[in-house]
């Protein structure tokens, strides 16, 4: 039997990926691409600019969701590459960030096109546009179901207390599908109103409303992914838990103080930390500190530095709060 590894022996594959998410994302890319071809072909055949425009809009989602699928594959292929100091999980997060930025660019195009249509109204082929919009909504519903199932499957695999962290790469693909579904709903309402009531202005107004909703989703996704990419994790509950675990070991006669602490995420809900401690206990070792932290399974990598100082000096620093 292979002996257990020593505390200093470990690999840097901190996140196992999301197999269900990767598979669902790839399926959604192909479904969306097929719908794009149908819309562009129908627009060309029926000489409908509305269908052509929606088809090219769909192509932007193919590219964005394709980025998410590519990020999954790249993270998986390079998982064993030692040049990535803390694994390749952030490739997935980077894919989510790029997809969110792309979504924000789509919002700009939607706003520009809608404002232009308000200023210079164009004739709309209502029947063809409504049929394709309904078909697009049905396709988006299927895609949302696939991605939603993968999302809940991934969430069910996380049993630790910090299960509120989601797969941001999968979330970005999901947001793209929801955004397209929302614009389809707005478009159907506007097209029916224009066809039956003659309210042609509803089409560009619906475009503006849809752009605002999509922009709000994109902004939230950019904030979530940026936080991870920039390692802004010091307000996470796990930081307070680390502090509490260290402070619980400090008592009269053996004082332990945190001089420096850095925590960052290396997986969907797992963390690495670097701790610098000051203590008057000459026997305190890094192995003991790791044992204190072992109750928190989400801490998968720790670098511990211990400075031994006289009792009076540690006590003075602790009281002064430095």
Protein backbone atom coordinates (compact mmCIF):
# COMPACT_ATOMS: atom_id res chain seq x y z
CA UNK A 1 0.00 0.00 0.00
CA UNK A 2 1.26 3.45 -0.94
CA UNK A 3 2.12 5.47 2.20
CA UNK A 4 0.23 8.74 2.73
CA UNK A 5 2.07 11.81 1.45
CA UNK A 6 3.96 14.03 3.86
CA UNK A 7 2.33 17.39 4.71
CA UNK A 8 4.64 19.19 2.30
CA UNK A 9 3.85 16.83 -0.60
CA UNK A 10 0.84 17.74 -2.73
CA UNK A 11 -0.25 18.53 -6.25
CA UNK A 12 -1.74 21.78 -7.47
CA UNK A 13 -4.97 20.44 -8.96
CA UNK A 14 -7.25 22.20 -6.49
CA UNK A 15 -10.40 22.05 -8.61
CA UNK A 16 -11.71 18.96 -10.38
CA UNK A 17 -13.58 20.97 -13.00
CA UNK A 18 -17.22 20.59 -13.96
CA UNK A 19 -17.71 17.68 -16.35
CA UNK A 20 -21.47 18.17 -16.58
CA UNK A 21 -21.03 21.90 -17.14
CA UNK A 22 -18.46 21.41 -19.89
CA UNK A 23 -20.60 18.83 -21.68
CA UNK A 24 -23.76 20.95 -21.46
CA UNK A 25 -21.94 24.07 -22.63
CA UNK A 26 -20.61 22.27 -25.72
CA UNK A 27 -24.10 20.97 -26.56
CA UNK A 28 -25.53 24.48 -26.18
CA UNK A 29 -22.87 25.88 -28.54
CA UNK A 30 -23.93 23.44 -31.28
CA UNK A 31 -27.65 24.07 -30.73
CA UNK A 32 -27.13 27.84 -30.83
CA UNK A 33 -24.96 27.57 -33.94
CA UNK A 34 -27.64 25.51 -35.70
CA UNK A 35 -30.29 28.11 -34.79
CA UNK A 36 -28.01 30.85 -36.09
CA UNK A 37 -27.71 29.10 -39.47
CA UNK A 38 -31.50 28.66 -39.65
CA UNK A 39 -32.14 32.35 -38.91
CA UNK A 40 -29.54 33.65 -41.36
CA UNK A 41 -30.75 31.25 -44.06
CA UNK A 42 -34.40 32.20 -43.51
CA UNK A 43 -33.55 35.88 -43.56
CA UNK A 44 -31.67 35.50 -46.81
CA UNK A 45 -34.46 33.42 -48.41
CA UNK A 46 -37.33 35.68 -47.26
CA UNK A 47 -35.32 38.87 -47.77
CA UNK A 48 -36.02 39.79 -44.13
CA UNK A 49 -33.54 42.11 -42.44
CA UNK A 50 -35.18 41.36 -39.09
CA UNK A 51 -34.33 37.67 -39.38
CA UNK A 52 -30.82 38.39 -40.64
CA UNK A 53 -30.21 40.76 -37.74
CA UNK A 54 -31.43 38.21 -35.20
CA UNK A 55 -29.28 35.54 -36.82
CA UNK A 56 -26.14 37.65 -36.58
CA UNK A 57 -27.11 38.51 -32.99
CA UNK A 58 -27.26 34.76 -32.32
CA UNK A 59 -23.77 34.40 -33.79
CA UNK A 60 -22.40 36.62 -31.02
CA UNK A 61 -23.81 34.19 -28.46
CA UNK A 62 -22.17 31.28 -30.31
CA UNK A 63 -18.81 33.03 -29.92
CA UNK A 64 -19.37 33.94 -26.26
CA UNK A 65 -20.64 30.51 -25.16
CA UNK A 66 -17.89 28.96 -27.28
CA UNK A 67 -15.40 30.91 -25.13
CA UNK A 68 -16.83 29.23 -22.05
CA UNK A 69 -16.52 25.79 -23.65
CA UNK A 70 -12.94 26.56 -24.72
CA UNK A 71 -12.05 27.69 -21.18
CA UNK A 72 -13.26 24.38 -19.73
CA UNK A 73 -11.14 22.43 -22.19
CA UNK A 74 -8.03 24.57 -21.67
CA UNK A 75 -8.27 24.29 -17.88
CA UNK A 76 -8.62 20.51 -18.13
CA UNK A 77 -5.79 20.03 -20.64
CA UNK A 78 -3.28 22.12 -18.67
CA UNK A 79 -4.29 20.93 -15.20
CA UNK A 80 -0.94 19.15 -14.72
CA UNK A 81 1.21 22.00 -16.05
CA UNK A 82 3.48 23.11 -13.19
CA UNK A 83 3.87 26.56 -14.73
CA UNK A 84 0.44 27.36 -13.28
CA UNK A 85 1.42 27.97 -9.67
CA UNK A 86 -2.06 27.39 -8.24
CA UNK A 87 -3.69 25.27 -10.91
CA UNK A 88 -5.71 26.20 -13.97
CA UNK A 89 -9.15 26.86 -12.49
CA UNK A 90 -8.86 30.59 -13.14
CA UNK A 91 -8.78 29.88 -16.88
CA UNK A 92 -12.48 29.06 -16.47
CA UNK A 93 -13.05 32.30 -14.54
CA UNK A 94 -11.19 34.24 -17.23
CA UNK A 95 -13.47 32.65 -19.82
CA UNK A 96 -16.48 33.83 -17.81
CA UNK A 97 -15.05 37.35 -17.58
CA UNK A 98 -14.35 37.53 -21.33
CA UNK A 99 -17.84 36.24 -22.07
CA UNK A 100 -19.37 38.88 -19.77
CA UNK A 101 -17.40 41.66 -21.47
CA UNK A 102 -18.58 40.33 -24.83
CA UNK A 103 -22.15 40.43 -23.52
CA UNK A 104 -21.67 44.06 -22.53
CA UNK A 105 -20.53 44.82 -26.11
CA UNK A 106 -23.74 43.18 -27.36
CA UNK A 107 -25.68 45.51 -25.06
CA UNK A 108 -24.03 48.48 -26.75
CA UNK A 109 -25.00 47.21 -30.18
CA UNK A 110 -28.58 46.58 -29.03
CA UNK A 111 -28.88 50.12 -27.70
CA UNK A 112 -27.38 51.68 -30.82
CA UNK A 113 -29.62 49.66 -33.14
CA UNK A 114 -32.76 50.38 -31.11
CA UNK A 115 -32.10 54.12 -30.93
CA UNK A 116 -31.44 54.18 -34.68
CA UNK A 117 -34.78 52.39 -35.30
CA UNK A 118 -36.57 54.94 -33.10
CA UNK A 119 -35.07 57.79 -35.11
CA UNK A 120 -35.62 56.18 -38.53
CA UNK A 121 -38.37 53.50 -38.40
CA UNK A 122 -38.05 50.63 -40.87
CA UNK A 123 -40.75 48.25 -42.20
CA UNK A 124 -40.87 44.99 -40.24
CA UNK A 125 -41.81 41.55 -41.61
CA UNK A 126 -43.98 40.73 -38.62
CA UNK A 127 -45.10 37.19 -39.43
CA UNK A 128 -41.66 35.81 -40.24
CA UNK A 129 -40.06 37.66 -37.35
CA UNK A 130 -42.64 36.37 -34.85
CA UNK A 131 -42.21 32.76 -36.01
CA UNK A 132 -38.44 32.94 -35.70
CA UNK A 133 -38.61 34.76 -32.35
CA UNK A 134 -40.87 32.01 -30.95
CA UNK A 135 -38.53 29.34 -32.32
CA UNK A 136 -35.57 31.18 -30.79
CA UNK A 137 -37.33 31.31 -27.42
CA UNK A 138 -37.98 27.55 -27.56
CA UNK A 139 -34.31 26.89 -28.36
CA UNK A 140 -33.21 29.14 -25.50
CA UNK A 141 -35.55 27.31 -23.12
CA UNK A 142 -33.92 23.99 -24.04
CA UNK A 143 -30.43 25.46 -23.64
CA UNK A 144 -31.33 27.04 -20.29
CA UNK A 145 -32.64 23.67 -19.06
CA UNK A 146 -29.38 21.95 -20.06
CA UNK A 147 -27.18 24.55 -18.37
CA UNK A 148 -29.45 24.80 -15.34
CA UNK A 149 -29.31 21.03 -14.81
CA UNK A 150 -25.50 21.12 -15.01
CA UNK A 151 -25.40 24.01 -12.54
CA UNK A 152 -27.51 22.21 -9.93
CA UNK A 153 -25.53 19.00 -10.48
CA UNK A 154 -22.27 20.85 -9.78
CA UNK A 155 -23.73 22.56 -6.72
CA UNK A 156 -24.86 19.21 -5.34
CA UNK A 157 -21.31 17.89 -5.43
CA UNK A 158 -20.08 20.54 -2.95
CA UNK A 159 -20.68 19.50 0.64
CA UNK A 160 -18.70 22.17 2.53
CA UNK A 161 -20.27 25.17 4.14
CA UNK A 162 -19.16 27.62 1.46
CA UNK A 163 -21.36 26.11 -1.27
CA UNK A 164 -22.59 29.58 -2.31
CA UNK A 165 -19.68 29.83 -4.75
CA UNK A 166 -20.84 28.97 -8.24
CA UNK A 167 -19.14 27.88 -11.43
CA UNK A 168 -18.67 31.35 -12.93
CA UNK A 169 -17.80 29.99 -16.36
CA UNK A 170 -21.06 28.03 -16.49
CA UNK A 171 -22.89 31.04 -15.08
CA UNK A 172 -21.61 33.22 -17.94
CA UNK A 173 -22.98 30.77 -20.54
CA UNK A 174 -26.25 30.59 -18.62
CA UNK A 175 -26.53 34.40 -18.54
CA UNK A 176 -26.04 34.53 -22.32
CA UNK A 177 -28.87 32.06 -22.84
CA UNK A 178 -31.14 33.90 -20.39
CA UNK A 179 -30.29 37.20 -22.05
CA UNK A 180 -31.24 35.83 -25.45
CA UNK A 181 -34.45 34.36 -24.00
CA UNK A 182 -35.34 37.71 -22.42
CA UNK A 183 -34.80 39.59 -25.67
CA UNK A 184 -36.90 36.97 -27.47
CA UNK A 185 -39.78 37.52 -25.03
CA UNK A 186 -39.55 41.30 -25.39
CA UNK A 187 -39.36 40.92 -29.16
CA UNK A 188 -42.45 38.67 -29.33
CA UNK A 189 -44.50 41.13 -27.26
CA UNK A 190 -43.33 44.07 -29.34
CA UNK A 191 -43.86 42.31 -32.69
CA UNK A 192 -47.38 41.18 -31.77
CA UNK A 193 -48.23 44.72 -30.62
CA UNK A 194 -46.82 46.14 -33.84
CA UNK A 195 -48.62 43.61 -36.02
CA UNK A 196 -52.05 43.81 -34.36
CA UNK A 197 -52.10 47.38 -33.03
CA UNK A 198 -49.74 49.13 -35.41
CA UNK A 199 -47.38 50.09 -32.59
CA UNK A 200 -44.16 49.91 -34.58
CA UNK A 201 -42.35 51.92 -31.92
CA UNK A 202 -42.67 48.97 -29.53
CA UNK A 203 -39.93 47.05 -31.36
CA UNK A 204 -37.06 49.49 -30.67
CA UNK A 205 -38.39 50.25 -27.16
CA UNK A 206 -38.35 46.54 -26.36
CA UNK A 207 -34.78 46.47 -27.64
CA UNK A 208 -33.79 49.22 -25.21
CA UNK A 209 -35.52 47.51 -22.27
CA UNK A 210 -33.84 44.22 -23.16
CA UNK A 211 -30.45 45.92 -23.39
CA UNK A 212 -30.86 47.42 -19.90
CA UNK A 213 -31.78 44.03 -18.40
CA UNK A 214 -28.90 42.25 -20.15
CA UNK A 215 -26.51 45.04 -19.13
CA UNK A 216 -27.48 44.58 -15.48
CA UNK A 217 -26.74 40.83 -15.69
CA UNK A 218 -23.44 41.43 -17.47
CA UNK A 219 -22.34 43.99 -14.86
CA UNK A 220 -22.99 41.52 -12.02
CA UNK A 221 -21.07 38.74 -13.80
CA UNK A 222 -18.10 41.05 -14.46
CA UNK A 223 -18.04 42.00 -10.77
CA UNK A 224 -18.09 38.33 -9.66
CA UNK A 225 -15.33 37.20 -12.03
CA UNK A 226 -13.17 40.28 -11.41
CA UNK A 227 -13.23 39.60 -7.68
CA UNK A 228 -11.73 36.15 -8.26
CA UNK A 229 -9.22 37.21 -10.92
CA UNK A 230 -7.92 40.06 -8.74
CA UNK A 231 -7.84 37.89 -5.58
CA UNK A 232 -10.21 40.19 -3.69
CA UNK A 233 -11.19 37.54 -1.16
CA UNK A 234 -10.25 39.11 2.19
CA UNK A 235 -13.91 39.78 3.03
CA UNK A 236 -14.85 36.11 2.63
CA UNK A 237 -16.08 34.29 5.79
CA UNK A 238 -13.17 31.85 5.56
CA UNK A 239 -10.77 34.70 6.47
CA UNK A 240 -12.53 35.26 9.80
CA UNK A 241 -12.54 31.51 10.39
CA UNK A 242 -8.76 31.36 9.92
CA UNK A 243 -8.29 34.26 12.34
CA UNK A 244 -10.56 32.61 14.89
CA UNK A 245 -8.75 29.26 14.60
CA UNK A 246 -5.40 30.96 15.31
CA UNK A 247 -6.66 33.23 18.07
CA UNK A 248 -8.30 30.27 19.84
CA UNK A 249 -4.81 28.82 20.45
CA UNK A 250 -3.48 31.96 22.10
CA UNK A 251 -3.59 31.89 25.90
CA UNK A 252 -1.68 33.32 28.87
CA UNK A 253 1.86 32.02 28.75
CA UNK A 254 1.67 31.16 25.03
CA UNK A 255 0.57 34.01 22.85
CA UNK A 256 0.13 33.71 19.09
CA UNK A 257 -0.55 36.74 16.92
CA UNK A 258 -1.26 37.02 13.19
CA UNK A 259 1.20 39.50 11.74
CA UNK A 260 0.14 39.01 8.12
CA UNK A 261 -2.57 37.02 6.34
CA UNK A 262 -3.39 36.58 2.66
CA UNK A 263 -6.22 34.38 1.38
CA UNK A 264 -7.18 33.74 -2.23
CA UNK A 265 -9.39 31.29 -4.07
CA UNK A 266 -7.84 28.49 -6.14
CA UNK A 267 -11.06 26.61 -6.93
CA UNK A 268 -14.81 27.16 -6.93
CA UNK A 269 -14.86 27.13 -3.12
CA UNK A 270 -11.37 26.16 -1.99
CA UNK A 271 -8.66 28.51 -0.83
CA UNK A 272 -4.96 28.98 -0.40
CA UNK A 273 -3.51 31.09 2.39
CA UNK A 274 -0.19 32.57 3.47
CA UNK A 275 0.13 33.31 7.19
CA UNK A 276 2.86 35.06 9.14
CA UNK A 277 2.67 34.49 12.91
CA UNK A 278 4.48 35.99 15.89
CA UNK A 279 4.66 33.88 19.07
CA UNK A 280 6.58 33.54 22.32
CA UNK A 281 6.28 29.73 22.14
CA UNK A 282 9.66 28.40 20.89
CA UNK A 283 8.14 25.00 20.16
CA UNK A 284 5.37 26.16 17.84
CA UNK A 285 5.74 24.60 14.38
CA UNK A 286 4.06 24.98 11.00
CA UNK A 287 2.67 21.44 11.36
CA UNK A 288 0.82 22.46 14.51
CA UNK A 289 -0.66 25.49 12.79
CA UNK A 290 -1.82 23.33 9.87
CA UNK A 291 -3.48 21.02 12.39
CA UNK A 292 -5.36 24.03 13.84
CA UNK A 293 -6.61 24.86 10.34
CA UNK A 294 -7.42 21.26 9.35
CA UNK A 295 -11.04 21.57 10.53
CA UNK A 296 -11.62 23.92 7.59
CA UNK A 297 -11.54 21.58 4.57
CA UNK A 298 -11.85 24.49 2.15
CA UNK A 299 -8.24 25.50 2.96
CA UNK A 300 -6.31 23.22 0.61
CA UNK A 301 -2.93 24.96 0.55
CA UNK A 302 -1.16 26.94 3.25
CA UNK A 303 2.21 28.65 3.58
CA UNK A 304 3.08 29.34 7.21
CA UNK A 305 5.86 31.56 8.53
CA UNK A 306 6.54 31.70 12.29
CA UNK A 307 8.55 34.42 14.07
CA UNK A 308 9.60 33.65 17.63
CA UNK A 309 9.79 36.70 19.91
CA UNK A 310 10.13 37.30 23.66
CA UNK A 311 6.90 37.10 25.65
CA UNK A 312 6.91 40.80 26.53
CA UNK A 313 7.30 41.86 22.89
CA UNK A 314 4.44 39.69 21.63
CA UNK A 315 2.16 40.87 24.45
CA UNK A 316 2.93 44.50 23.73
CA UNK A 317 2.28 44.08 19.99
CA UNK A 318 -0.98 42.24 20.71
CA UNK A 319 -2.25 44.92 23.08
CA UNK A 320 -1.31 47.76 20.72
CA UNK A 321 -3.10 46.03 17.84
CA UNK A 322 -0.11 46.21 15.46
